[in-house]
Amino acid sequence: MKTIGEHASVAEELLQDVPDTEQKCRAIEQAVSEGYLTLEEALRAYKISPIVYAGFVLLQSSVQTQKSSRQSQFMKALSTIAEIYNASSSRFDDEGKKAIAKINRLQKAFK
C-alpha cells in the first residue's frame, strides 16, 4: 500500500487517472458516434464503468444544462442514464427492468 509521503499530495494521487479516464471516455464517445462500437461494447473495450461514463457525459454537457431549467437538467440526466443502461438492461432483475422501463416512459412523455 502506498503512503501519502510517496506523492506530493493526496489530491495528486486521487487525480492521477483522471486524464486517462477522460481520454478513454472521449474515445468511447467518438467510437459510438461514428458507429464503430455500440456503447456497451465501447465501455467494455475501454474498461470504463457505466457510472463513470455517465458522469463524464453529464459533466461535458454541464455548460448547456446550467443555463437550462431544472426540468431540462433532469431530462438530460435521465436520457444519459437510459442510453448507458438500456443495452444491458436485459440482464437486470425484474426490479431493474421496471426502473429502466419507467425511465424510458418518462423520456417519451417529455419529448
PDB file of N, CA and C in Angstrom:
ATOM      1  N   MET A   1       0.840  -1.179   0.000  1.00  0.00           N
ATOM      2  CA  MET A   1       0.000   0.000   0.000  1.00  0.00           C
ATOM      3  C   MET A   1       0.882   1.238   0.000  1.00  0.00           C
ATOM      4  N   LYS A   2       0.543   2.197  -0.807  1.00  0.00           N
ATOM      5  CA  LYS A   2       1.313   3.429  -0.891  1.00  0.00           C
ATOM      6  C   LYS A   2       1.036   4.301   0.325  1.00  0.00           C
ATOM      7  N   THR A   3       2.032   5.048   0.683  1.00  0.00           N
ATOM      8  CA  THR A   3       1.830   6.025   1.745  1.00  0.00           C
ATOM      9  C   THR A   3       1.716   7.397   1.118  1.00  0.00           C
ATOM     10  N   ILE A   4       1.104   8.304   1.841  1.00  0.00           N
ATOM     11  CA  ILE A   4       0.907   9.660   1.322  1.00  0.00           C
ATOM     12  C   ILE A   4       2.244  10.323   1.011  1.00  0.00           C
ATOM     13  N   GLY A   5       3.276   9.989   1.764  1.00  0.00           N
ATOM     14  CA  GLY A   5       4.583  10.591   1.554  1.00  0.00           C
ATOM     15  C   GLY A   5       5.188  10.293   0.195  1.00  0.00           C
ATOM     16  N   GLU A   6       4.704   9.252  -0.473  1.00  0.00           N
ATOM     17  CA  GLU A   6       5.228   8.906  -1.794  1.00  0.00           C
ATOM     18  C   GLU A   6       4.737   9.850  -2.881  1.00  0.00           C
ATOM     19  N   HIS A   7       3.795  10.683  -2.585  1.00  0.00           N
ATOM     20  CA  HIS A   7       3.237  11.617  -3.564  1.00  0.00           C
ATOM     21  C   HIS A   7       3.242  13.018  -2.983  1.00  0.00           C
ATOM     22  N   ALA A   8       3.207  13.987  -3.866  1.00  0.00           N
ATOM     23  CA  ALA A   8       3.209  15.385  -3.414  1.00  0.00           C
ATOM     24  C   ALA A   8       1.971  15.692  -2.590  1.00  0.00           C
ATOM     25  N   SER A   9       0.865  15.068  -2.925  1.00  0.00           N
ATOM     26  CA  SER A   9      -0.364  15.299  -2.174  1.00  0.00           C
ATOM     27  C   SER A   9      -1.339  14.154  -2.408  1.00  0.00           C
ATOM     28  N   VAL A  10      -2.288  14.049  -1.524  1.00  0.00           N
ATOM     29  CA  VAL A  10      -3.335  13.040  -1.685  1.00  0.00           C
ATOM     30  C   VAL A  10      -4.142  13.346  -2.937  1.00  0.00           C
ATOM     31  N   ALA A  11      -4.417  14.623  -3.174  1.00  0.00           N
ATOM     32  CA  ALA A  11      -5.188  15.017  -4.357  1.00  0.00           C
ATOM     33  C   ALA A  11      -4.495  14.574  -5.637  1.00  0.00           C
ATOM     34  N   GLU A  12      -3.186  14.715  -5.668  1.00  0.00           N
ATOM     35  CA  GLU A  12      -2.430  14.292  -6.853  1.00  0.00           C
ATOM     36  C   GLU A  12      -2.631  12.803  -7.108  1.00  0.00           C
ATOM     37  N   GLU A  13      -2.589  12.023  -6.047  1.00  0.00           N
ATOM     38  CA  GLU A  13      -2.785  10.585  -6.187  1.00  0.00           C
ATOM     39  C   GLU A  13      -4.193  10.266  -6.659  1.00  0.00           C
ATOM     40  N   LEU A  14      -5.176  10.940  -6.092  1.00  0.00           N
ATOM     41  CA  LEU A  14      -6.569  10.678  -6.462  1.00  0.00           C
ATOM     42  C   LEU A  14      -6.863  11.090  -7.900  1.00  0.00           C
ATOM     43  N   LEU A  15      -6.217  12.135  -8.364  1.00  0.00           N
ATOM     44  CA  LEU A  15      -6.486  12.644  -9.710  1.00  0.00           C
ATOM     45  C   LEU A  15      -5.565  12.042 -10.764  1.00  0.00           C
ATOM     46  N   GLN A  16      -4.707  11.150 -10.360  1.00  0.00           N
ATOM     47  CA  GLN A  16      -3.708  10.579 -11.256  1.00  0.00           C
ATOM     48  C   GLN A  16      -4.334   9.967 -12.511  1.00  0.00           C
ATOM     49  N   ASP A  17      -5.459   9.296 -12.393  1.00  0.00           N
ATOM     50  CA  ASP A  17      -6.072   8.610 -13.527  1.00  0.00           C
ATOM     51  C   ASP A  17      -7.094   9.452 -14.277  1.00  0.00           C
ATOM     52  N   VAL A  18      -7.348  10.674 -13.850  1.00  0.00           N
ATOM     53  CA  VAL A  18      -8.382  11.487 -14.482  1.00  0.00           C
ATOM     54  C   VAL A  18      -8.115  11.734 -15.964  1.00  0.00           C
ATOM     55  N   PRO A  19      -6.916  12.183 -16.361  1.00  0.00           N
ATOM     56  CA  PRO A  19      -6.710  12.400 -17.796  1.00  0.00           C
ATOM     57  C   PRO A  19      -6.904  11.121 -18.606  1.00  0.00           C
ATOM     58  N   ASP A  20      -6.443   9.993 -18.071  1.00  0.00           N
ATOM     59  CA  ASP A  20      -6.601   8.721 -18.756  1.00  0.00           C
ATOM     60  C   ASP A  20      -8.076   8.361 -18.891  1.00  0.00           C
ATOM     61  N   THR A  21      -8.834   8.534 -17.825  1.00  0.00           N
ATOM     62  CA  THR A  21     -10.258   8.235 -17.850  1.00  0.00           C
ATOM     63  C   THR A  21     -10.981   9.154 -18.826  1.00  0.00           C
ATOM     64  N   GLU A  22     -10.660  10.434 -18.781  1.00  0.00           N
ATOM     65  CA  GLU A  22     -11.290  11.385 -19.698  1.00  0.00           C
ATOM     66  C   GLU A  22     -10.963  11.038 -21.143  1.00  0.00           C
ATOM     67  N   GLN A  23      -9.731  10.668 -21.400  1.00  0.00           N
ATOM     68  CA  GLN A  23      -9.322  10.299 -22.754  1.00  0.00           C
ATOM     69  C   GLN A  23     -10.084   9.061 -23.228  1.00  0.00           C
ATOM     70  N   LYS A  24     -10.240   8.088 -22.344  1.00  0.00           N
ATOM     71  CA  LYS A  24     -10.996   6.883 -22.700  1.00  0.00           C
ATOM     72  C   LYS A  24     -12.459   7.222 -22.964  1.00  0.00           C
ATOM     73  N   CYS A  25     -13.039   8.086 -22.142  1.00  0.00           N
ATOM     74  CA  CYS A  25     -14.442   8.472 -22.326  1.00  0.00           C
ATOM     75  C   CYS A  25     -14.635   9.199 -23.646  1.00  0.00           C
ATOM     76  N   ARG A  26     -13.692  10.051 -24.010  1.00  0.00           N
ATOM     77  CA  ARG A  26     -13.774  10.737 -25.309  1.00  0.00           C
ATOM     78  C   ARG A  26     -13.664   9.735 -26.459  1.00  0.00           C
ATOM     79  N   ALA A  27     -12.803   8.743 -26.301  1.00  0.00           N
ATOM     80  CA  ALA A  27     -12.663   7.709 -27.326  1.00  0.00           C
ATOM     81  C   ALA A  27     -13.944   6.895 -27.446  1.00  0.00           C
ATOM     82  N   ILE A  28     -14.586   6.603 -26.318  1.00  0.00           N
ATOM     83  CA  ILE A  28     -15.864   5.887 -26.322  1.00  0.00           C
ATOM     84  C   ILE A  28     -16.905   6.700 -27.070  1.00  0.00           C
ATOM     85  N   GLU A  29     -16.986   7.981 -26.726  1.00  0.00           N
ATOM     86  CA  GLU A  29     -17.950   8.878 -27.367  1.00  0.00           C
ATOM     87  C   GLU A  29     -17.759   8.884 -28.877  1.00  0.00           C
ATOM     88  N   GLN A  30     -16.510   8.962 -29.319  1.00  0.00           N
ATOM     89  CA  GLN A  30     -16.219   9.002 -30.747  1.00  0.00           C
ATOM     90  C   GLN A  30     -16.520   7.660 -31.422  1.00  0.00           C
ATOM     91  N   ALA A  31     -16.105   6.559 -30.800  1.00  0.00           N
ATOM     92  CA  ALA A  31     -16.336   5.240 -31.389  1.00  0.00           C
ATOM     93  C   ALA A  31     -17.824   4.959 -31.563  1.00  0.00           C
ATOM     94  N   VAL A  32     -18.623   5.385 -30.581  1.00  0.00           N
ATOM     95  CA  VAL A  32     -20.064   5.166 -30.646  1.00  0.00           C
ATOM     96  C   VAL A  32     -20.698   6.089 -31.689  1.00  0.00           C
ATOM     97  N   SER A  33     -20.314   7.366 -31.680  1.00  0.00           N
ATOM     98  CA  SER A  33     -20.925   8.318 -32.611  1.00  0.00           C
ATOM     99  C   SER A  33     -20.583   7.998 -34.063  1.00  0.00           C
ATOM    100  N   GLU A  34     -19.401   7.393 -34.286  1.00  0.00           N
ATOM    101  CA  GLU A  34     -19.010   7.029 -35.653  1.00  0.00           C
ATOM    102  C   GLU A  34     -19.458   5.629 -36.040  1.00  0.00           C
ATOM    103  N   GLY A  35     -20.127   4.938 -35.106  1.00  0.00           N
ATOM    104  CA  GLY A  35     -20.714   3.642 -35.404  1.00  0.00           C
ATOM    105  C   GLY A  35     -19.753   2.463 -35.376  1.00  0.00           C
ATOM    106  N   TYR A  36     -18.562   2.637 -34.831  1.00  0.00           N
ATOM    107  CA  TYR A  36     -17.615   1.529 -34.763  1.00  0.00           C
ATOM    108  C   TYR A  36     -18.001   0.502 -33.707  1.00  0.00           C
ATOM    109  N   LEU A  37     -18.550   0.978 -32.593  1.00  0.00           N
ATOM    110  CA  LEU A  37     -18.945   0.105 -31.496  1.00  0.00           C
ATOM    111  C   LEU A  37     -20.265   0.578 -30.911  1.00  0.00           C
ATOM    112  N   THR A  38     -20.979  -0.339 -30.287  1.00  0.00           N
ATOM    113  CA  THR A  38     -22.135   0.082 -29.505  1.00  0.00           C
ATOM    114  C   THR A  38     -21.579   0.668 -28.206  1.00  0.00           C
ATOM    115  N   LEU A  39     -22.413   1.364 -27.479  1.00  0.00           N
ATOM    116  CA  LEU A  39     -21.957   1.947 -26.227  1.00  0.00           C
ATOM    117  C   LEU A  39     -21.477   0.860 -25.266  1.00  0.00           C
ATOM    118  N   GLU A  40     -22.238  -0.203 -25.160  1.00  0.00           N
ATOM    119  CA  GLU A  40     -21.865  -1.294 -24.257  1.00  0.00           C
ATOM    120  C   GLU A  40     -20.523  -1.911 -24.663  1.00  0.00           C
ATOM    121  N   GLU A  41     -20.308  -2.119 -25.955  1.00  0.00           N
ATOM    122  CA  GLU A  41     -19.039  -2.672 -26.432  1.00  0.00           C
ATOM    123  C   GLU A  41     -17.875  -1.732 -26.129  1.00  0.00           C
ATOM    124  N   ALA A  42     -18.101  -0.449 -26.337  1.00  0.00           N
ATOM    125  CA  ALA A  42     -17.042   0.534 -26.106  1.00  0.00           C
ATOM    126  C   ALA A  42     -16.693   0.626 -24.622  1.00  0.00           C
ATOM    127  N   LEU A  43     -17.700   0.624 -23.759  1.00  0.00           N
ATOM    128  CA  LEU A  43     -17.439   0.666 -22.321  1.00  0.00           C
ATOM    129  C   LEU A  43     -16.609  -0.545 -21.895  1.00  0.00           C
ATOM    130  N   ARG A  44     -16.954  -1.675 -22.430  1.00  0.00           N
ATOM    131  CA  ARG A  44     -16.217  -2.907 -22.104  1.00  0.00           C
ATOM    132  C   ARG A  44     -14.787  -2.834 -22.652  1.00  0.00           C
ATOM    133  N   ALA A  45     -14.645  -2.394 -23.894  1.00  0.00           N
ATOM    134  CA  ALA A  45     -13.327  -2.338 -24.529  1.00  0.00           C
ATOM    135  C   ALA A  45     -12.377  -1.384 -23.810  1.00  0.00           C
ATOM    136  N   TYR A  46     -12.898  -0.256 -23.368  1.00  0.00           N
ATOM    137  CA  TYR A  46     -12.058   0.741 -22.697  1.00  0.00           C
ATOM    138  C   TYR A  46     -12.041   0.584 -21.175  1.00  0.00           C
ATOM    139  N   LYS A  47     -12.747  -0.437 -20.688  1.00  0.00           N
ATOM    140  CA  LYS A  47     -12.799  -0.737 -19.249  1.00  0.00           C
ATOM    141  C   LYS A  47     -13.223   0.478 -18.420  1.00  0.00           C
ATOM    142  N   ILE A  48     -14.327   1.091 -18.876  1.00  0.00           N
ATOM    143  CA  ILE A  48     -14.925   2.229 -18.168  1.00  0.00           C
ATOM    144  C   ILE A  48     -16.302   1.781 -17.683  1.00  0.00           C
ATOM    145  N   SER A  49     -16.589   2.018 -16.421  1.00  0.00           N
ATOM    146  CA  SER A  49     -17.890   1.619 -15.889  1.00  0.00           C
ATOM    147  C   SER A  49     -18.973   2.570 -16.407  1.00  0.00           C
ATOM    148  N   PRO A  50     -20.191   2.068 -16.503  1.00  0.00           N
ATOM    149  CA  PRO A  50     -21.287   2.935 -16.963  1.00  0.00           C
ATOM    150  C   PRO A  50     -21.458   4.182 -16.099  1.00  0.00           C
ATOM    151  N   ILE A  51     -21.258   4.061 -14.800  1.00  0.00           N
ATOM    152  CA  ILE A  51     -21.462   5.215 -13.928  1.00  0.00           C
ATOM    153  C   ILE A  51     -20.377   6.268 -14.145  1.00  0.00           C
ATOM    154  N   VAL A  52     -19.149   5.842 -14.417  1.00  0.00           N
ATOM    155  CA  VAL A  52     -18.075   6.795 -14.716  1.00  0.00           C
ATOM    156  C   VAL A  52     -18.379   7.504 -16.030  1.00  0.00           C
ATOM    157  N   TYR A  53     -18.841   6.744 -17.021  1.00  0.00           N
ATOM    158  CA  TYR A  53     -19.165   7.343 -18.320  1.00  0.00           C
ATOM    159  C   TYR A  53     -20.351   8.304 -18.201  1.00  0.00           C
ATOM    160  N   ALA A  54     -21.329   7.939 -17.407  1.00  0.00           N
ATOM    161  CA  ALA A  54     -22.481   8.827 -17.191  1.00  0.00           C
ATOM    162  C   ALA A  54     -22.009  10.150 -16.592  1.00  0.00           C
ATOM    163  N   GLY A  55     -21.122  10.070 -15.619  1.00  0.00           N
ATOM    164  CA  GLY A  55     -20.573  11.290 -15.029  1.00  0.00           C
ATOM    165  C   GLY A  55     -19.843  12.134 -16.053  1.00  0.00           C
ATOM    166  N   PHE A  56     -19.071  11.492 -16.916  1.00  0.00           N
ATOM    167  CA  PHE A  56     -18.358  12.205 -17.974  1.00  0.00           C
ATOM    168  C   PHE A  56     -19.326  12.924 -18.904  1.00  0.00           C
ATOM    169  N   VAL A  57     -20.343  12.214 -19.363  1.00  0.00           N
ATOM    170  CA  VAL A  57     -21.320  12.805 -20.292  1.00  0.00           C
ATOM    171  C   VAL A  57     -22.034  13.988 -19.638  1.00  0.00           C
ATOM    172  N   LEU A  58     -22.438  13.815 -18.397  1.00  0.00           N
ATOM    173  CA  LEU A  58     -23.138  14.898 -17.702  1.00  0.00           C
ATOM    174  C   LEU A  58     -22.227  16.093 -17.466  1.00  0.00           C
ATOM    175  N   LEU A  59     -20.977  15.860 -17.144  1.00  0.00           N
ATOM    176  CA  LEU A  59     -20.034  16.972 -16.968  1.00  0.00           C
ATOM    177  C   LEU A  59     -19.774  17.692 -18.286  1.00  0.00           C
ATOM    178  N   GLN A  60     -19.691  16.934 -19.373  1.00  0.00           N
ATOM    179  CA  GLN A  60     -19.460  17.543 -20.679  1.00  0.00           C
ATOM    180  C   GLN A  60     -20.607  18.459 -21.095  1.00  0.00           C
ATOM    181  N   SER A  61     -21.791  18.099 -20.692  1.00  0.00           N
ATOM    182  CA  SER A  61     -22.955  18.906 -21.073  1.00  0.00           C
ATOM    183  C   SER A  61     -23.344  19.906 -19.992  1.00  0.00           C
ATOM    184  N   SER A  62     -22.519  20.037 -18.952  1.00  0.00           N
ATOM    185  CA  SER A  62     -22.887  20.895 -17.822  1.00  0.00           C
ATOM    186  C   SER A  62     -23.012  22.365 -18.203  1.00  0.00           C
ATOM    187  N   VAL A  63     -22.231  22.832 -19.145  1.00  0.00           N
ATOM    188  CA  VAL A  63     -22.330  24.233 -19.559  1.00  0.00           C
ATOM    189  C   VAL A  63     -23.710  24.502 -20.142  1.00  0.00           C
ATOM    190  N   GLN A  64     -24.180  23.598 -20.973  1.00  0.00           N
ATOM    191  CA  GLN A  64     -25.507  23.758 -21.574  1.00  0.00           C
ATOM    192  C   GLN A  64     -26.601  23.604 -20.531  1.00  0.00           C
ATOM    193  N   THR A  65     -26.463  22.589 -19.667  1.00  0.00           N
ATOM    194  CA  THR A  65     -27.538  22.330 -18.721  1.00  0.00           C
ATOM    195  C   THR A  65     -27.603  23.354 -17.601  1.00  0.00           C
ATOM    196  N   GLN A  66     -26.488  24.007 -17.291  1.00  0.00           N
ATOM    197  CA  GLN A  66     -26.521  25.034 -16.247  1.00  0.00           C
ATOM    198  C   GLN A  66     -27.406  26.202 -16.669  1.00  0.00           C
ATOM    199  N   LYS A  67     -27.490  26.434 -17.951  1.00  0.00           N
ATOM    200  CA  LYS A  67     -28.310  27.537 -18.463  1.00  0.00           C
ATOM    201  C   LYS A  67     -29.754  27.090 -18.697  1.00  0.00           C
ATOM    202  N   SER A  68     -30.002  25.803 -18.510  1.00  0.00           N
ATOM    203  CA  SER A  68     -31.332  25.248 -18.740  1.00  0.00           C
ATOM    204  C   SER A  68     -32.130  25.209 -17.449  1.00  0.00           C
ATOM    205  N   SER A  69     -33.400  24.935 -17.614  1.00  0.00           N
ATOM    206  CA  SER A  69     -34.268  24.791 -16.442  1.00  0.00           C
ATOM    207  C   SER A  69     -33.926  23.499 -15.705  1.00  0.00           C
ATOM    208  N   ARG A  70     -34.391  23.394 -14.497  1.00  0.00           N
ATOM    209  CA  ARG A  70     -34.183  22.173 -13.709  1.00  0.00           C
ATOM    210  C   ARG A  70     -34.789  20.968 -14.431  1.00  0.00           C
ATOM    211  N   GLN A  71     -35.922  21.176 -15.067  1.00  0.00           N
ATOM    212  CA  GLN A  71     -36.562  20.084 -15.799  1.00  0.00           C
ATOM    213  C   GLN A  71     -35.661  19.609 -16.934  1.00  0.00           C
ATOM    214  N   SER A  72     -35.071  20.527 -17.675  1.00  0.00           N
ATOM    215  CA  SER A  72     -34.171  20.150 -18.765  1.00  0.00           C
ATOM    216  C   SER A  72     -32.952  19.412 -18.237  1.00  0.00           C
ATOM    217  N   GLN A  73     -32.425  19.857 -17.113  1.00  0.00           N
ATOM    218  CA  GLN A  73     -31.278  19.193 -16.500  1.00  0.00           C
ATOM    219  C   GLN A  73     -31.650  17.765 -16.101  1.00  0.00           C
ATOM    220  N   PHE A  74     -32.819  17.631 -15.507  1.00  0.00           N
ATOM    221  CA  PHE A  74     -33.299  16.323 -15.077  1.00  0.00           C
ATOM    222  C   PHE A  74     -33.474  15.396 -16.278  1.00  0.00           C
ATOM    223  N   MET A  75     -34.073  15.903 -17.345  1.00  0.00           N
ATOM    224  CA  MET A  75     -34.312  15.087 -18.524  1.00  0.00           C
ATOM    225  C   MET A  75     -33.000  14.670 -19.186  1.00  0.00           C
ATOM    226  N   LYS A  76     -32.020  15.556 -19.187  1.00  0.00           N
ATOM    227  CA  LYS A  76     -30.703  15.214 -19.751  1.00  0.00           C
ATOM    228  C   LYS A  76     -30.074  14.091 -18.939  1.00  0.00           C
ATOM    229  N   ALA A  77     -30.165  14.177 -17.615  1.00  0.00           N
ATOM    230  CA  ALA A  77     -29.613  13.130 -16.752  1.00  0.00           C
ATOM    231  C   ALA A  77     -30.322  11.795 -16.999  1.00  0.00           C
ATOM    232  N   LEU A  78     -31.649  11.822 -17.079  1.00  0.00           N
ATOM    233  CA  LEU A  78     -32.405  10.591 -17.354  1.00  0.00           C
ATOM    234  C   LEU A  78     -32.038  10.002 -18.713  1.00  0.00           C
ATOM    235  N   SER A  79     -31.937  10.867 -19.690  1.00  0.00           N
ATOM    236  CA  SER A  79     -31.589  10.432 -21.036  1.00  0.00           C
ATOM    237  C   SER A  79     -30.221   9.759 -21.056  1.00  0.00           C
ATOM    238  N   THR A  80     -29.283  10.354 -20.362  1.00  0.00           N
ATOM    239  CA  THR A  80     -27.926   9.796 -20.301  1.00  0.00           C
ATOM    240  C   THR A  80     -27.931   8.432 -19.627  1.00  0.00           C
ATOM    241  N   ILE A  81     -28.625   8.332 -18.514  1.00  0.00           N
ATOM    242  CA  ILE A  81     -28.695   7.067 -17.782  1.00  0.00           C
ATOM    243  C   ILE A  81     -29.368   5.994 -18.637  1.00  0.00           C
ATOM    244  N   ALA A  82     -30.472   6.353 -19.279  1.00  0.00           N
ATOM    245  CA  ALA A  82     -31.190   5.391 -20.124  1.00  0.00           C
ATOM    246  C   ALA A  82     -30.310   4.921 -21.276  1.00  0.00           C
ATOM    247  N   GLU A  83     -29.615   5.848 -21.910  1.00  0.00           N
ATOM    248  CA  GLU A  83     -28.752   5.493 -23.041  1.00  0.00           C
ATOM    249  C   GLU A  83     -27.673   4.507 -22.607  1.00  0.00           C
ATOM    250  N   ILE A  84     -27.091   4.751 -21.457  1.00  0.00           N
ATOM    251  CA  ILE A  84     -25.995   3.911 -20.994  1.00  0.00           C
ATOM    252  C   ILE A  84     -26.472   2.532 -20.548  1.00  0.00           C
ATOM    253  N   TYR A  85     -27.609   2.479 -19.883  1.00  0.00           N
ATOM    254  CA  TYR A  85     -28.054   1.215 -19.301  1.00  0.00           C
ATOM    255  C   TYR A  85     -29.056   0.432 -20.137  1.00  0.00           C
ATOM    256  N   ASN A  86     -29.664   1.020 -21.159  1.00  0.00           N
ATOM    257  CA  ASN A  86     -30.669   0.305 -21.956  1.00  0.00           C
ATOM    258  C   ASN A  86     -30.126  -0.988 -22.552  1.00  0.00           C
ATOM    259  N   ALA A  87     -28.942  -0.931 -23.126  1.00  0.00           N
ATOM    260  CA  ALA A  87     -28.395  -2.110 -23.799  1.00  0.00           C
ATOM    261  C   ALA A  87     -28.193  -3.278 -22.851  1.00  0.00           C
ATOM    262  N   SER A  88     -27.775  -2.999 -21.636  1.00  0.00           N
ATOM    263  CA  SER A  88     -27.512  -4.090 -20.699  1.00  0.00           C
ATOM    264  C   SER A  88     -28.695  -4.419 -19.806  1.00  0.00           C
ATOM    265  N   SER A  89     -29.821  -3.721 -19.974  1.00  0.00           N
ATOM    266  CA  SER A  89     -30.960  -3.926 -19.080  1.00  0.00           C
ATOM    267  C   SER A  89     -31.590  -5.305 -19.216  1.00  0.00           C
ATOM    268  N   SER A  90     -31.311  -6.003 -20.295  1.00  0.00           N
ATOM    269  CA  SER A  90     -31.867  -7.352 -20.443  1.00  0.00           C
ATOM    270  C   SER A  90     -31.310  -8.306 -19.383  1.00  0.00           C
ATOM    271  N   ARG A  91     -30.163  -7.945 -18.809  1.00  0.00           N
ATOM    272  CA  ARG A  91     -29.572  -8.783 -17.761  1.00  0.00           C
ATOM    273  C   ARG A  91     -29.969  -8.317 -16.357  1.00  0.00           C
ATOM    274  N   PHE A  92     -30.777  -7.279 -16.266  1.00  0.00           N
ATOM    275  CA  PHE A  92     -31.237  -6.771 -14.969  1.00  0.00           C
ATOM    276  C   PHE A  92     -32.289  -7.701 -14.391  1.00  0.00           C
ATOM    277  N   ASP A  93     -32.454  -7.645 -13.073  1.00  0.00           N
ATOM    278  CA  ASP A  93     -33.556  -8.388 -12.458  1.00  0.00           C
ATOM    279  C   ASP A  93     -34.857  -7.634 -12.766  1.00  0.00           C
ATOM    280  N   ASP A  94     -35.980  -8.178 -12.326  1.00  0.00           N
ATOM    281  CA  ASP A  94     -37.278  -7.577 -12.648  1.00  0.00           C
ATOM    282  C   ASP A  94     -37.390  -6.133 -12.179  1.00  0.00           C
ATOM    283  N   GLU A  95     -36.878  -5.864 -10.998  1.00  0.00           N
ATOM    284  CA  GLU A  95     -36.946  -4.502 -10.456  1.00  0.00           C
ATOM    285  C   GLU A  95     -36.146  -3.522 -11.319  1.00  0.00           C
ATOM    286  N   GLY A  96     -34.969  -3.938 -11.747  1.00  0.00           N
ATOM    287  CA  GLY A  96     -34.140  -3.095 -12.606  1.00  0.00           C
ATOM    288  C   GLY A  96     -34.781  -2.857 -13.963  1.00  0.00           C
ATOM    289  N   LYS A  97     -35.391  -3.894 -14.523  1.00  0.00           N
ATOM    290  CA  LYS A  97     -36.074  -3.770 -15.814  1.00  0.00           C
ATOM    291  C   LYS A  97     -37.247  -2.800 -15.710  1.00  0.00           C
ATOM    292  N   LYS A  98     -37.978  -2.876 -14.602  1.00  0.00           N
ATOM    293  CA  LYS A  98     -39.101  -1.955 -14.396  1.00  0.00           C
ATOM    294  C   LYS A  98     -38.600  -0.513 -14.296  1.00  0.00           C
ATOM    295  N   ALA A  99     -37.483  -0.312 -13.610  1.00  0.00           N
ATOM    296  CA  ALA A  99     -36.926   1.034 -13.459  1.00  0.00           C
ATOM    297  C   ALA A  99     -36.528   1.606 -14.820  1.00  0.00           C
ATOM    298  N   ILE A 100     -35.866   0.815 -15.644  1.00  0.00           N
ATOM    299  CA  ILE A 100     -35.470   1.275 -16.983  1.00  0.00           C
ATOM    300  C   ILE A 100     -36.707   1.569 -17.818  1.00  0.00           C
ATOM    301  N   ALA A 101     -37.715   0.738 -17.735  1.00  0.00           N
ATOM    302  CA  ALA A 101     -38.957   0.978 -18.488  1.00  0.00           C
ATOM    303  C   ALA A 101     -39.600   2.290 -18.055  1.00  0.00           C
ATOM    304  N   LYS A 102     -39.595   2.572 -16.762  1.00  0.00           N
ATOM    305  CA  LYS A 102     -40.156   3.832 -16.266  1.00  0.00           C
ATOM    306  C   LYS A 102     -39.350   5.032 -16.759  1.00  0.00           C
ATOM    307  N   ILE A 103     -38.039   4.901 -16.746  1.00  0.00           N
ATOM    308  CA  ILE A 103     -37.186   5.989 -17.253  1.00  0.00           C
ATOM    309  C   ILE A 103     -37.488   6.238 -18.729  1.00  0.00           C
ATOM    310  N   ASN A 104     -37.614   5.179 -19.505  1.00  0.00           N
ATOM    311  CA  ASN A 104     -37.917   5.331 -20.930  1.00  0.00           C
ATOM    312  C   ASN A 104     -39.280   5.988 -21.152  1.00  0.00           C
ATOM    313  N   ARG A 105     -40.266   5.624 -20.332  1.00  0.00           N
ATOM    314  CA  ARG A 105     -41.601   6.245 -20.447  1.00  0.00           C
ATOM    315  C   ARG A 105     -41.525   7.728 -20.094  1.00  0.00           C
ATOM    316  N   LEU A 106     -40.761   8.061 -19.056  1.00  0.00           N
ATOM    317  CA  LEU A 106     -40.600   9.473 -18.692  1.00  0.00           C
ATOM    318  C   LEU A 106     -39.974  10.277 -19.829  1.00  0.00           C
ATOM    319  N   GLN A 107     -38.965   9.690 -20.437  1.00  0.00           N
ATOM    320  CA  GLN A 107     -38.312  10.371 -21.556  1.00  0.00           C
ATOM    321  C   GLN A 107     -39.310  10.658 -22.674  1.00  0.00           C
ATOM    322  N   LYS A 108     -40.083   9.662 -23.041  1.00  0.00           N
ATOM    323  CA  LYS A 108     -41.047   9.817 -24.131  1.00  0.00           C
ATOM    324  C   LYS A 108     -42.117  10.847 -23.789  1.00  0.00           C
ATOM    325  N   ALA A 109     -42.507  10.892 -22.528  1.00  0.00           N
ATOM    326  CA  ALA A 109     -43.541  11.838 -22.095  1.00  0.00           C
ATOM    327  C   ALA A 109     -43.092  13.285 -22.220  1.00  0.00           C
ATOM    328  N   PHE A 110     -41.799  13.534 -22.087  1.00  0.00           N
ATOM    329  CA  PHE A 110     -41.302  14.914 -22.115  1.00  0.00           C
ATOM    330  C   PHE A 110     -40.701  15.304 -23.455  1.00  0.00           C
ATOM    331  N   LYS A 111     -40.763  14.439 -24.435  1.00  0.00           N
ATOM    332  CA  LYS A 111     -40.209  14.786 -25.759  1.00  0.00           C
ATOM    333  C   LYS A 111     -41.187  15.592 -26.555  1.00  0.00           C
TER     334      LYS A 111
END
